């Protein structure tokens, strides 16, 4: 865009300077100013012909400028929409997986199938940029699953389920940080008598 603007200015400015110099030369250095309609018409044609290129160049520059920025804004909008769609799809996929883990754990708490699924979705949560997935993963880490991961049933599971163990280690500090943020929001809440309702909805 900057290169196009420089090229247009390089073409338009010489025409403007030529028109100004020629007009001053006609009006000042060649004697009296034009007084008849014919002379004024010729002078107007002279300036109009020289400035038309400048006005056209400026118009083209304005069109290119606004078209460029409009296209850039549209591209950013579509990129944000695509990212939001991918994030929602990932969240739904993750929730479906947690539902399967919960069903297996209800049938047989802490069974191998539960642990394998938990390890897989723990890897998904660790690779994602959304830390809330780890908090969601914590909802299916039941007491039996936690005992498996901590090795309290006689077998140490970090070698079998490394991603689940790593996720469990990260969930603790994450919950503490989230809890502090929640307490800070409640402390700054002007209406603490209605917890869980955004302040904007209470007005």
C-alpha atoms as a PDB file:
ATOM      1  CA  UNK A   1       0.000   0.000   0.000  1.00  0.00           C
ATOM      2  CA  UNK A   2       2.806   2.410   0.833  1.00  0.00           C
ATOM      3  CA  UNK A   3       4.548   1.644  -2.466  1.00  0.00           C
ATOM      4  CA  UNK A   4       1.343   2.379  -4.409  1.00  0.00           C
ATOM      5  CA  UNK A   5       0.911   5.685  -2.558  1.00  0.00           C
ATOM      6  CA  UNK A   6       4.483   6.701  -3.351  1.00  0.00           C
ATOM      7  CA  UNK A   7       4.030   5.865  -7.044  1.00  0.00           C
ATOM      8  CA  UNK A   8       0.788   7.858  -7.267  1.00  0.00           C
ATOM      9  CA  UNK A   9       2.405  10.814  -5.489  1.00  0.00           C
ATOM     10  CA  UNK A  10       5.395  10.620  -7.840  1.00  0.00           C
ATOM     11  CA  UNK A  11       3.035  10.895 -10.821  1.00  0.00           C
ATOM     12  CA  UNK A  12       0.674  13.518  -9.388  1.00  0.00           C
ATOM     13  CA  UNK A  13       3.078  15.972  -7.774  1.00  0.00           C
ATOM     14  CA  UNK A  14       5.019  16.850 -10.963  1.00  0.00           C
ATOM     15  CA  UNK A  15       1.731  17.648 -12.701  1.00  0.00           C
ATOM     16  CA  UNK A  16       0.686  19.935  -9.827  1.00  0.00           C
ATOM     17  CA  UNK A  17       4.020  21.700  -9.667  1.00  0.00           C
ATOM     18  CA  UNK A  18       4.023  22.158 -13.439  1.00  0.00           C
ATOM     19  CA  UNK A  19       0.544  23.678 -13.312  1.00  0.00           C
ATOM     20  CA  UNK A  20       1.483  26.091 -10.532  1.00  0.00           C
ATOM     21  CA  UNK A  21       4.683  27.178 -12.230  1.00  0.00           C
ATOM     22  CA  UNK A  22       3.045  27.648 -15.602  1.00  0.00           C
ATOM     23  CA  UNK A  23       0.127  29.566 -14.113  1.00  0.00           C
ATOM     24  CA  UNK A  24       2.400  31.918 -12.216  1.00  0.00           C
ATOM     25  CA  UNK A  25       4.517  32.416 -15.340  1.00  0.00           C
ATOM     26  CA  UNK A  26       1.460  33.351 -17.407  1.00  0.00           C
ATOM     27  CA  UNK A  27      -0.058  35.664 -14.805  1.00  0.00           C
ATOM     28  CA  UNK A  28       3.074  37.416 -13.555  1.00  0.00           C
ATOM     29  CA  UNK A  29       5.896  37.255 -16.043  1.00  0.00           C
ATOM     30  CA  UNK A  30       4.006  37.683 -19.321  1.00  0.00           C
ATOM     31  CA  UNK A  31       2.274  40.925 -18.491  1.00  0.00           C
ATOM     32  CA  UNK A  32      -1.251  41.762 -17.460  1.00  0.00           C
ATOM     33  CA  UNK A  33      -3.664  39.179 -15.997  1.00  0.00           C
ATOM     34  CA  UNK A  34      -6.415  37.743 -18.152  1.00  0.00           C
ATOM     35  CA  UNK A  35      -9.532  39.956 -18.237  1.00  0.00           C
ATOM     36  CA  UNK A  36     -11.751  38.719 -21.098  1.00  0.00           C
ATOM     37  CA  UNK A  37     -13.994  35.674 -20.882  1.00  0.00           C
ATOM     38  CA  UNK A  38     -12.011  33.960 -23.629  1.00  0.00           C
ATOM     39  CA  UNK A  39      -8.754  34.453 -21.791  1.00  0.00           C
ATOM     40  CA  UNK A  40     -10.289  33.350 -18.479  1.00  0.00           C
ATOM     41  CA  UNK A  41     -11.707  30.264 -20.204  1.00  0.00           C
ATOM     42  CA  UNK A  42      -8.330  29.370 -21.656  1.00  0.00           C
ATOM     43  CA  UNK A  43      -6.700  29.867 -18.285  1.00  0.00           C
ATOM     44  CA  UNK A  44      -9.354  27.668 -16.616  1.00  0.00           C
ATOM     45  CA  UNK A  45      -8.817  24.952 -19.228  1.00  0.00           C
ATOM     46  CA  UNK A  46      -5.115  25.150 -18.613  1.00  0.00           C
ATOM     47  CA  UNK A  47      -5.397  24.724 -14.827  1.00  0.00           C
ATOM     48  CA  UNK A  48      -8.223  22.175 -15.118  1.00  0.00           C
ATOM     49  CA  UNK A  49      -6.209  19.998 -17.478  1.00  0.00           C
ATOM     50  CA  UNK A  50      -3.217  19.996 -15.165  1.00  0.00           C
ATOM     51  CA  UNK A  51      -5.111  19.481 -11.912  1.00  0.00           C
ATOM     52  CA  UNK A  52      -7.403  16.741 -13.295  1.00  0.00           C
ATOM     53  CA  UNK A  53      -4.545  14.266 -13.125  1.00  0.00           C
ATOM     54  CA  UNK A  54      -3.848  15.243  -9.522  1.00  0.00           C
ATOM     55  CA  UNK A  55      -7.495  14.957  -8.449  1.00  0.00           C
ATOM     56  CA  UNK A  56      -7.838  11.606 -10.223  1.00  0.00           C
ATOM     57  CA  UNK A  57      -4.685  10.340  -8.568  1.00  0.00           C
ATOM     58  CA  UNK A  58      -5.863  11.435  -5.118  1.00  0.00           C
ATOM     59  CA  UNK A  59      -9.241   9.786  -5.730  1.00  0.00           C
ATOM     60  CA  UNK A  60      -7.531   6.562  -6.775  1.00  0.00           C
ATOM     61  CA  UNK A  61      -5.320   6.736  -3.704  1.00  0.00           C
ATOM     62  CA  UNK A  62      -8.354   7.178  -1.406  1.00  0.00           C
ATOM     63  CA  UNK A  63     -10.168   4.247  -3.050  1.00  0.00           C
ATOM     64  CA  UNK A  64      -7.118   2.013  -2.711  1.00  0.00           C
ATOM     65  CA  UNK A  65      -6.581   3.083   0.903  1.00  0.00           C
ATOM     66  CA  UNK A  66     -10.116   2.347   2.056  1.00  0.00           C
ATOM     67  CA  UNK A  67     -10.337  -0.843  -0.015  1.00  0.00           C
ATOM     68  CA  UNK A  68      -7.114  -2.125   1.509  1.00  0.00           C
ATOM     69  CA  UNK A  69      -8.193  -1.428   5.091  1.00  0.00           C
ATOM     70  CA  UNK A  70     -11.687  -2.778   4.493  1.00  0.00           C
ATOM     71  CA  UNK A  71     -10.261  -6.000   3.088  1.00  0.00           C
ATOM     72  CA  UNK A  72      -7.850  -6.268   6.007  1.00  0.00           C
ATOM     73  CA  UNK A  73     -10.660  -5.822   8.544  1.00  0.00           C
ATOM     74  CA  UNK A  74     -12.781  -8.433   6.769  1.00  0.00           C
ATOM     75  CA  UNK A  75      -9.873 -10.872   6.800  1.00  0.00           C
ATOM     76  CA  UNK A  76      -9.339 -10.322  10.532  1.00  0.00           C
ATOM     77  CA  UNK A  77     -13.070 -10.790  11.158  1.00  0.00           C
ATOM     78  CA  UNK A  78     -13.156 -14.079   9.248  1.00  0.00           C
ATOM     79  CA  UNK A  79     -10.003 -15.278  11.016  1.00  0.00           C
ATOM     80  CA  UNK A  80     -11.583 -14.539  14.412  1.00  0.00           C
ATOM     81  CA  UNK A  81     -14.749 -16.340  13.348  1.00  0.00           C
ATOM     82  CA  UNK A  82     -12.723 -19.350  12.211  1.00  0.00           C
ATOM     83  CA  UNK A  83     -10.802 -19.420  15.496  1.00  0.00           C
ATOM     84  CA  UNK A  84     -14.036 -19.193  17.512  1.00  0.00           C
ATOM     85  CA  UNK A  85     -15.590 -22.008  15.473  1.00  0.00           C
ATOM     86  CA  UNK A  86     -12.537 -24.218  15.956  1.00  0.00           C
ATOM     87  CA  UNK A  87     -12.482 -23.461  19.682  1.00  0.00           C
ATOM     88  CA  UNK A  88     -16.163 -24.332  20.062  1.00  0.00           C
ATOM     89  CA  UNK A  89     -15.701 -27.543  18.047  1.00  0.00           C
ATOM     90  CA  UNK A  90     -12.725 -28.503  20.204  1.00  0.00           C
ATOM     91  CA  UNK A  91     -14.697 -27.776  23.388  1.00  0.00           C
ATOM     92  CA  UNK A  92     -17.624 -29.912  22.221  1.00  0.00           C
ATOM     93  CA  UNK A  93     -15.293 -32.747  21.213  1.00  0.00           C
ATOM     94  CA  UNK A  94     -13.633 -32.558  24.618  1.00  0.00           C
ATOM     95  CA  UNK A  95     -16.955 -32.571  26.493  1.00  0.00           C
ATOM     96  CA  UNK A  96     -18.095 -35.616  24.524  1.00  0.00           C
ATOM     97  CA  UNK A  97     -14.904 -37.392  25.549  1.00  0.00           C
ATOM     98  CA  UNK A  98     -15.426 -36.507  29.213  1.00  0.00           C
ATOM     99  CA  UNK A  99     -18.932 -37.903  28.979  1.00  0.00           C
ATOM    100  CA  UNK A 100     -17.537 -41.242  27.757  1.00  0.00           C
ATOM    101  CA  UNK A 101     -14.984 -41.270  30.592  1.00  0.00           C
ATOM    102  CA  UNK A 102     -17.726 -40.635  33.145  1.00  0.00           C
ATOM    103  CA  UNK A 103     -19.857 -43.471  31.754  1.00  0.00           C
ATOM    104  CA  UNK A 104     -16.977 -45.948  31.961  1.00  0.00           C
ATOM    105  CA  UNK A 105     -16.105 -44.793  35.475  1.00  0.00           C
ATOM    106  CA  UNK A 106     -19.701 -45.270  36.597  1.00  0.00           C
ATOM    107  CA  UNK A 107     -19.663 -48.859  35.340  1.00  0.00           C
ATOM    108  CA  UNK A 108     -16.271 -49.717  36.823  1.00  0.00           C
ATOM    109  CA  UNK A 109     -14.559 -46.971  38.870  1.00  0.00           C
ATOM    110  CA  UNK A 110     -10.910 -46.558  37.959  1.00  0.00           C
ATOM    111  CA  UNK A 111     -10.929 -49.294  35.303  1.00  0.00           C
ATOM    112  CA  UNK A 112      -8.249 -49.470  32.621  1.00  0.00           C
ATOM    113  CA  UNK A 113     -10.556 -48.120  29.923  1.00  0.00           C
ATOM    114  CA  UNK A 114     -11.313 -45.087  32.063  1.00  0.00           C
ATOM    115  CA  UNK A 115      -7.624 -44.514  32.689  1.00  0.00           C
ATOM    116  CA  UNK A 116      -6.691 -44.830  29.017  1.00  0.00           C
ATOM    117  CA  UNK A 117      -9.369 -42.383  27.949  1.00  0.00           C
ATOM    118  CA  UNK A 118      -8.392 -40.013  30.740  1.00  0.00           C
ATOM    119  CA  UNK A 119      -4.746 -40.124  29.653  1.00  0.00           C
ATOM    120  CA  UNK A 120      -5.686 -39.357  26.048  1.00  0.00           C
ATOM    121  CA  UNK A 121      -7.928 -36.385  26.880  1.00  0.00           C
ATOM    122  CA  UNK A 122      -5.345 -35.159  29.386  1.00  0.00           C
ATOM    123  CA  UNK A 123      -2.901 -34.930  26.477  1.00  0.00           C
ATOM    124  CA  UNK A 124      -5.508 -32.976  24.486  1.00  0.00           C
ATOM    125  CA  UNK A 125      -5.998 -30.569  27.412  1.00  0.00           C
ATOM    126  CA  UNK A 126      -2.242 -30.133  27.912  1.00  0.00           C
ATOM    127  CA  UNK A 127      -1.668 -29.357  24.225  1.00  0.00           C
ATOM    128  CA  UNK A 128      -4.534 -26.855  24.063  1.00  0.00           C
ATOM    129  CA  UNK A 129      -4.121 -23.159  24.829  1.00  0.00           C
ATOM    130  CA  UNK A 130      -7.416 -23.140  26.753  1.00  0.00           C
ATOM    131  CA  UNK A 131      -6.581 -23.860  30.407  1.00  0.00           C
ATOM    132  CA  UNK A 132     -10.258 -24.328  31.201  1.00  0.00           C
ATOM    133  CA  UNK A 133     -10.025 -27.759  29.570  1.00  0.00           C
ATOM    134  CA  UNK A 134      -7.885 -28.862  32.503  1.00  0.00           C
ATOM    135  CA  UNK A 135     -10.565 -27.671  34.920  1.00  0.00           C
ATOM    136  CA  UNK A 136     -13.153 -29.593  32.922  1.00  0.00           C
ATOM    137  CA  UNK A 137     -10.924 -32.668  32.991  1.00  0.00           C
ATOM    138  CA  UNK A 138     -10.808 -32.422  36.771  1.00  0.00           C
ATOM    139  CA  UNK A 139     -14.574 -33.062  36.912  1.00  0.00           C
ATOM    140  CA  UNK A 140     -14.071 -36.709  35.847  1.00  0.00           C
ATOM    141  CA  UNK A 141     -11.054 -37.405  38.068  1.00  0.00           C
ATOM    142  CA  UNK A 142     -12.932 -39.286  40.774  1.00  0.00           C
ATOM    143  CA  UNK A 143     -11.473 -40.566  44.025  1.00  0.00           C
ATOM    144  CA  UNK A 144     -10.707 -43.980  42.511  1.00  0.00           C
ATOM    145  CA  UNK A 145      -9.037 -42.451  39.469  1.00  0.00           C
ATOM    146  CA  UNK A 146      -6.994 -40.127  41.684  1.00  0.00           C
ATOM    147  CA  UNK A 147      -5.803 -43.055  43.792  1.00  0.00           C
ATOM    148  CA  UNK A 148      -4.703 -44.805  40.596  1.00  0.00           C
ATOM    149  CA  UNK A 149      -2.768 -41.756  39.417  1.00  0.00           C
ATOM    150  CA  UNK A 150      -1.158 -41.212  42.820  1.00  0.00           C
ATOM    151  CA  UNK A 151      -0.119 -44.865  43.048  1.00  0.00           C
ATOM    152  CA  UNK A 152      -2.074 -45.569  46.227  1.00  0.00           C
ATOM    153  CA  UNK A 153      -3.358 -48.926  44.982  1.00  0.00           C
ATOM    154  CA  UNK A 154       0.057 -50.560  44.930  1.00  0.00           C
ATOM    155  CA  UNK A 155       1.032 -49.612  41.365  1.00  0.00           C
ATOM    156  CA  UNK A 156       2.588 -46.342  40.242  1.00  0.00           C
ATOM    157  CA  UNK A 157       0.695 -45.129  37.193  1.00  0.00           C
ATOM    158  CA  UNK A 158       2.904 -42.282  35.962  1.00  0.00           C
ATOM    159  CA  UNK A 159       4.639 -44.616  33.505  1.00  0.00           C
ATOM    160  CA  UNK A 160       1.339 -45.986  32.194  1.00  0.00           C
ATOM    161  CA  UNK A 161      -0.622 -42.708  32.149  1.00  0.00           C
ATOM    162  CA  UNK A 162       1.980 -39.900  31.974  1.00  0.00           C
ATOM    163  CA  UNK A 163      -0.331 -37.243  30.505  1.00  0.00           C
ATOM    164  CA  UNK A 164      -3.008 -37.831  33.132  1.00  0.00           C
ATOM    165  CA  UNK A 165      -0.409 -37.554  35.910  1.00  0.00           C
ATOM    166  CA  UNK A 166       0.991 -34.338  34.431  1.00  0.00           C
ATOM    167  CA  UNK A 167      -2.513 -32.912  34.078  1.00  0.00           C
ATOM    168  CA  UNK A 168      -3.241 -33.776  37.717  1.00  0.00           C
ATOM    169  CA  UNK A 169      -0.115 -31.886  38.807  1.00  0.00           C
ATOM    170  CA  UNK A 170      -1.132 -28.816  36.803  1.00  0.00           C
ATOM    171  CA  UNK A 171      -4.759 -28.860  37.921  1.00  0.00           C
ATOM    172  CA  UNK A 172      -3.904 -28.176  41.583  1.00  0.00           C
ATOM    173  CA  UNK A 173      -2.146 -24.804  41.061  1.00  0.00           C
ATOM    174  CA  UNK A 174      -4.668 -23.902  38.386  1.00  0.00           C
ATOM    175  CA  UNK A 175      -7.579 -24.436  40.770  1.00  0.00           C
ATOM    176  CA  UNK A 176      -5.836 -22.366  43.450  1.00  0.00           C
ATOM    177  CA  UNK A 177      -5.265 -19.514  41.004  1.00  0.00           C
ATOM    178  CA  UNK A 178      -8.854 -19.733  39.759  1.00  0.00           C
ATOM    179  CA  UNK A 179     -10.123 -19.740  43.345  1.00  0.00           C
ATOM    180  CA  UNK A 180      -8.119 -16.609  44.186  1.00  0.00           C
ATOM    181  CA  UNK A 181      -9.508 -14.876  41.101  1.00  0.00           C
ATOM    182  CA  UNK A 182     -13.054 -15.818  42.087  1.00  0.00           C
ATOM    183  CA  UNK A 183     -12.565 -14.522  45.636  1.00  0.00           C
ATOM    184  CA  UNK A 184     -11.109 -11.291  44.288  1.00  0.00           C
ATOM    185  CA  UNK A 185     -14.127 -10.818  42.019  1.00  0.00           C
ATOM    186  CA  UNK A 186     -16.495 -11.411  44.931  1.00  0.00           C
ATOM    187  CA  UNK A 187     -14.566  -8.944  47.056  1.00  0.00           C
ATOM    188  CA  UNK A 188     -14.936  -6.281  44.353  1.00  0.00           C
ATOM    189  CA  UNK A 189     -18.560  -7.203  43.635  1.00  0.00           C
ATOM    190  CA  UNK A 190     -20.869  -4.296  44.578  1.00  0.00           C
ATOM    191  CA  UNK A 191     -23.778  -6.739  45.199  1.00  0.00           C
ATOM    192  CA  UNK A 192     -22.382  -9.829  46.953  1.00  0.00           C
ATOM    193  CA  UNK A 193     -25.860 -10.903  48.062  1.00  0.00           C
ATOM    194  CA  UNK A 194     -26.577 -12.380  44.621  1.00  0.00           C
ATOM    195  CA  UNK A 195     -23.629 -14.661  43.840  1.00  0.00           C
ATOM    196  CA  UNK A 196     -23.248 -16.145  40.390  1.00  0.00           C
ATOM    197  CA  UNK A 197     -25.228 -13.373  38.669  1.00  0.00           C
ATOM    198  CA  UNK A 198     -23.191 -10.892  36.609  1.00  0.00           C
ATOM    199  CA  UNK A 199     -23.333  -7.329  37.854  1.00  0.00           C
ATOM    200  CA  UNK A 200     -24.619  -6.144  34.465  1.00  0.00           C
ATOM    201  CA  UNK A 201     -27.740  -8.305  34.880  1.00  0.00           C
ATOM    202  CA  UNK A 202     -28.497  -7.022  38.380  1.00  0.00           C
ATOM    203  CA  UNK A 203     -28.829  -3.384  37.316  1.00  0.00           C
END
